[in-house]
Protein backbone atom coordinates (compact mmCIF):
# COMPACT_ATOMS: atom_id res chain seq x y z
CA MET A 1 0.04 35.57 29.86
CA SER A 2 1.86 35.59 26.61
CA ALA A 3 0.68 34.36 23.57
CA SER A 4 2.10 30.84 22.76
CA ASP A 5 4.78 31.02 20.11
CA PRO A 6 3.96 29.04 17.01
CA ALA A 7 7.77 28.25 16.25
CA ASN A 8 7.68 26.82 19.46
CA PRO A 9 4.94 24.31 20.17
CA PRO A 10 4.23 23.49 24.03
CA PRO A 11 5.77 19.86 24.96
CA GLY A 12 1.91 18.45 24.79
CA ALA A 13 1.68 19.35 21.44
CA ARG A 14 5.07 18.03 20.35
CA ALA A 15 4.38 14.83 21.57
CA THR A 16 0.67 14.46 19.89
CA LEU A 17 2.19 15.37 16.73
CA ALA A 18 5.46 13.06 17.06
CA CYS A 19 2.79 10.24 17.87
CA ILE A 20 0.46 10.74 14.83
CA ALA A 21 3.54 10.91 12.51
CA ARG A 22 4.77 7.63 13.95
CA LEU A 23 1.38 6.30 13.38
CA TRP A 24 1.40 7.87 9.98
CA ASP A 25 4.60 5.87 8.72
CA ARG A 26 3.42 3.06 10.54
CA VAL A 27 0.25 2.44 8.43
CA GLU A 28 2.21 3.21 5.27
CA ARG A 29 4.87 0.88 5.72
CA THR A 30 2.40 -1.82 6.92
CA LEU A 31 0.31 -1.37 3.44
CA VAL A 32 3.47 -1.53 1.73
CA GLY A 33 4.61 -4.70 3.48
CA ILE A 34 1.11 -5.97 3.02
CA LEU A 35 0.94 -5.27 -0.66
CA GLY A 36 4.60 -6.86 -1.30
CA ALA A 37 3.65 -9.94 0.36
CA THR A 38 0.53 -10.08 -1.55
CA ALA A 39 2.20 -9.62 -4.90
CA LEU A 40 4.47 -12.49 -3.77
CA LEU A 41 2.06 -14.76 -3.02
CA ILE A 42 0.06 -14.32 -6.48
CA ALA A 43 3.55 -14.72 -8.44
CA VAL A 44 4.30 -18.22 -6.50
CA VAL A 45 0.51 -19.45 -6.91
CA GLN A 46 0.93 -18.65 -10.58
CA VAL A 47 4.46 -20.12 -11.00
CA PHE A 48 3.58 -23.26 -9.23
CA GLY A 49 0.22 -23.62 -11.12
CA ARG A 50 2.00 -23.61 -14.47
CA TYR A 51 3.99 -26.84 -13.68
CA ILE A 52 1.37 -28.49 -11.05
CA ASP A 53 -1.97 -27.57 -13.09
CA PRO A 54 -1.47 -25.47 -16.41
CA ALA A 55 -5.15 -26.01 -17.21
CA HIS A 56 -6.47 -24.05 -13.82
CA ALA A 57 -3.40 -22.16 -13.98
CA ILE A 58 -4.35 -18.14 -13.22
CA THR A 59 -3.90 -15.96 -15.84
CA TRP A 60 -4.06 -12.29 -14.92
CA ALA A 61 -1.28 -12.45 -12.15
CA GLU A 62 1.08 -10.41 -13.93
CA GLU A 63 -1.53 -7.71 -14.29
CA VAL A 64 -2.43 -7.81 -10.51
CA ILE A 65 1.40 -7.87 -9.32
CA VAL A 66 1.73 -4.51 -11.69
CA TYR A 67 -1.38 -2.80 -10.11
CA ILE A 68 0.01 -3.68 -6.82
CA ALA A 69 3.68 -2.38 -7.39
CA VAL A 70 2.28 0.63 -8.78
CA TRP A 71 0.29 1.09 -5.31
CA ALA A 72 3.20 0.51 -3.23
CA VAL A 73 5.44 2.80 -5.36
CA MET A 74 2.93 5.31 -4.69
CA ILE A 75 2.60 5.06 -1.26
CA ILE A 76 6.18 4.53 -0.33
CA ALA A 77 6.59 7.98 -2.07
CA SER A 78 5.54 9.31 0.92
CA GLN A 79 8.36 8.07 3.03
CA LEU A 80 10.49 9.19 0.63
CA VAL A 81 9.33 12.76 0.98
CA ARG A 82 9.69 12.24 5.15
CA GLY A 83 13.04 10.82 4.76
CA ASP A 84 14.19 13.22 2.35
CA GLY A 85 14.98 9.90 0.04
CA HIS A 86 14.13 11.28 -3.23
CA VAL A 87 17.22 11.52 -5.62
CA ARG A 88 18.39 15.15 -6.01
CA PRO A 89 21.94 16.53 -6.42
CA ASP A 90 22.69 18.08 -3.15
CA LEU A 91 26.41 19.76 -4.51
CA VAL A 92 24.82 23.29 -4.34
CA LEU A 93 23.13 23.08 -0.98
CA ARG A 94 26.75 21.92 0.07
CA LEU A 95 28.02 25.50 -0.96
CA LEU A 96 25.39 27.46 0.98
CA ARG A 97 25.10 28.72 4.22
CA PRO A 98 22.42 26.94 6.51
CA GLY A 99 20.22 30.34 6.04
CA ALA A 100 20.72 30.13 2.41
CA GLN A 101 19.93 26.35 2.43
CA ARG A 102 16.40 26.85 4.22
CA TRP A 103 15.27 29.31 1.40
CA VAL A 104 16.44 26.99 -0.89
CA GLU A 105 14.48 24.25 0.74
CA MET A 106 11.35 26.23 1.05
CA CYS A 107 11.40 26.85 -2.86
CA ASN A 108 11.82 23.29 -3.39
CA CYS A 109 9.35 22.59 -0.93
CA LEU A 110 6.88 25.06 -2.78
CA VAL A 111 7.68 23.68 -6.30
CA ALA A 112 7.11 19.99 -5.24
CA ILE A 113 3.92 21.42 -3.52
CA ALA A 114 2.60 22.63 -6.88
CA PHE A 115 3.67 19.66 -8.77
CA THR A 116 1.75 16.94 -6.52
CA PHE A 117 -1.07 19.12 -6.31
CA GLY A 118 -1.32 18.50 -10.30
CA MET A 119 -0.64 15.18 -9.52
CA VAL A 120 -4.03 14.81 -7.36
CA TRP A 121 -5.97 17.30 -9.46
CA TYR A 122 -5.37 15.66 -12.89
CA GLY A 123 -4.82 11.94 -11.12
CA TRP A 124 -8.56 12.39 -9.93
CA GLN A 125 -9.90 13.32 -13.61
CA VAL A 126 -8.45 10.39 -14.77
CA VAL A 127 -10.13 8.10 -12.16
CA ASP A 128 -13.26 9.97 -12.53
CA THR A 129 -13.42 9.51 -16.01
CA ALA A 130 -12.14 5.59 -15.84
CA HIS A 131 -15.23 5.17 -13.03
CA MET A 132 -17.61 6.53 -15.46
CA LEU A 133 -17.06 4.68 -18.49
CA ASP A 134 -16.79 1.58 -16.24
CA GLN A 135 -13.30 1.16 -18.15
CA ARG A 136 -11.84 -2.71 -16.83
CA SER A 137 -8.94 -4.57 -17.90
CA SER A 138 -9.13 -6.90 -21.09
CA SER A 139 -7.97 -9.89 -19.07
CA ASP A 140 -10.48 -12.50 -17.38
CA LEU A 141 -10.39 -10.58 -14.39
CA GLN A 142 -11.98 -7.40 -15.63
CA PHE A 143 -10.73 -5.33 -13.05
CA PRO A 144 -11.65 -1.92 -12.51
CA ILE A 145 -9.41 0.32 -14.21
CA TRP A 146 -10.27 3.37 -11.91
CA ILE A 147 -8.77 1.38 -8.72
CA TYR A 148 -5.63 1.02 -10.54
CA TYR A 149 -5.72 4.91 -11.86
CA ALA A 150 -6.66 5.92 -8.02
CA ALA A 151 -2.76 5.33 -6.89
CA LEU A 152 -2.03 8.53 -8.61
CA PRO A 153 -3.99 10.97 -7.13
CA THR A 154 -3.59 8.83 -3.68
CA GLY A 155 0.08 8.84 -3.97
CA GLY A 156 0.26 12.33 -5.05
CA LEU A 157 -2.31 13.86 -1.92
CA LEU A 158 0.17 11.54 0.59
CA MET A 159 3.41 13.64 -0.93
CA LEU A 160 1.51 16.96 -0.99
CA ILE A 161 0.86 16.49 2.62
CA ARG A 162 4.28 15.73 3.15
CA TYR A 163 5.55 18.42 1.55
CA VAL A 164 3.50 20.85 3.24
CA ILE A 165 4.51 19.60 6.46
CA ARG A 166 8.30 19.69 4.96
CA LEU A 167 7.67 23.40 4.27
CA LEU A 168 6.48 24.43 7.89
CA ARG A 169 9.29 22.79 9.25
CA TYR A 170 11.75 24.82 7.34
CA ALA A 171 9.66 28.04 7.72
CA PHE A 172 8.97 27.97 11.59
CA LEU A 173 10.75 25.11 13.11
CA PHE A 174 14.30 25.43 11.25
CA ASP A 175 17.15 23.70 13.05
CA PRO A 176 20.79 24.50 11.34
CA ALA A 177 22.38 21.37 13.20
CA THR A 178 20.03 18.66 12.28
CA MET A 179 18.39 20.25 8.98
CA SER A 180 20.87 21.54 6.90
CA VAL A 181 23.44 19.71 4.57
CA GLY A 182 26.79 19.16 5.64
CA HIS A 183 29.62 21.01 4.34
CA SER A 184 32.36 18.47 3.89
CA ILE A 185 31.97 16.05 1.57
CA LEU A 186 34.07 12.96 3.35
CA HIS A 187 34.16 10.13 0.79
CA GLU A 188 35.61 12.65 -1.71
CA ALA A 189 38.59 14.58 0.05
CA PRO A 190 40.02 15.07 3.30
CA PRO A 191 37.77 17.36 5.74
CA GLU A 192 40.18 19.96 6.20
CA LEU A 193 40.57 20.56 2.39
CA THR A 194 36.95 20.01 1.85
CA ARG A 195 35.94 22.58 4.66
CA HIS A 196 38.91 25.11 3.70
CA LEU A 197 37.65 25.12 -0.40
CA THR A 198 33.89 25.11 0.76
CA GLU A 199 34.59 28.61 2.90
CA GLN A 200 36.34 30.11 -0.04
CA ILE A 201 33.31 29.18 -2.27
CA THR A 202 30.86 30.59 -0.27
CA ASP A 203 32.73 33.61 0.42
CA ARG A 204 32.80 34.29 -3.11
CA LEU A 205 29.00 33.67 -3.78
CA VAL A 206 28.08 35.79 -0.75
CA GLU A 207 30.01 38.98 -2.15
């Protein structure tokens, strides 16, 4: 019996991994949706309170909305990694062949892993310090600041895991047909002209 190839996992393993990925995506999107709805509800209550009963209107709405927005952004950043949605120039990638694109993407993942690990490490130091000193907001809410700061290491950890998965995909499950940037910039020039110029530039780079 031959050993299983890590680059080609059995169908059962693929289905399990796909199910876990879908569940992970659903949980993140649901959390962000709940956070967004909560922030909207707080803003509406504050506006109505100011006009209907200013004496009893909540004074901490803006503060809590900021906390919620930061948490939502840090969570949804993980989804941007999964969908390759972070802003980045891809002109250089378009000039490279799929094999070269693979190595560039792997290097990008390594840099991103180092960066997100720093976010987790130093973010946790900030959270631990705020918790130890029992720092709280200056408003009437007296919100524990460490919960607000915890968004940084949490978002960093989610992105770190995503980048590790992305690195493993490019290392062992690379598919040039679906994981490489197209060489024809259709919205900037006719496909034939773009393809011809790209091939010339690529040949020169290879040489």
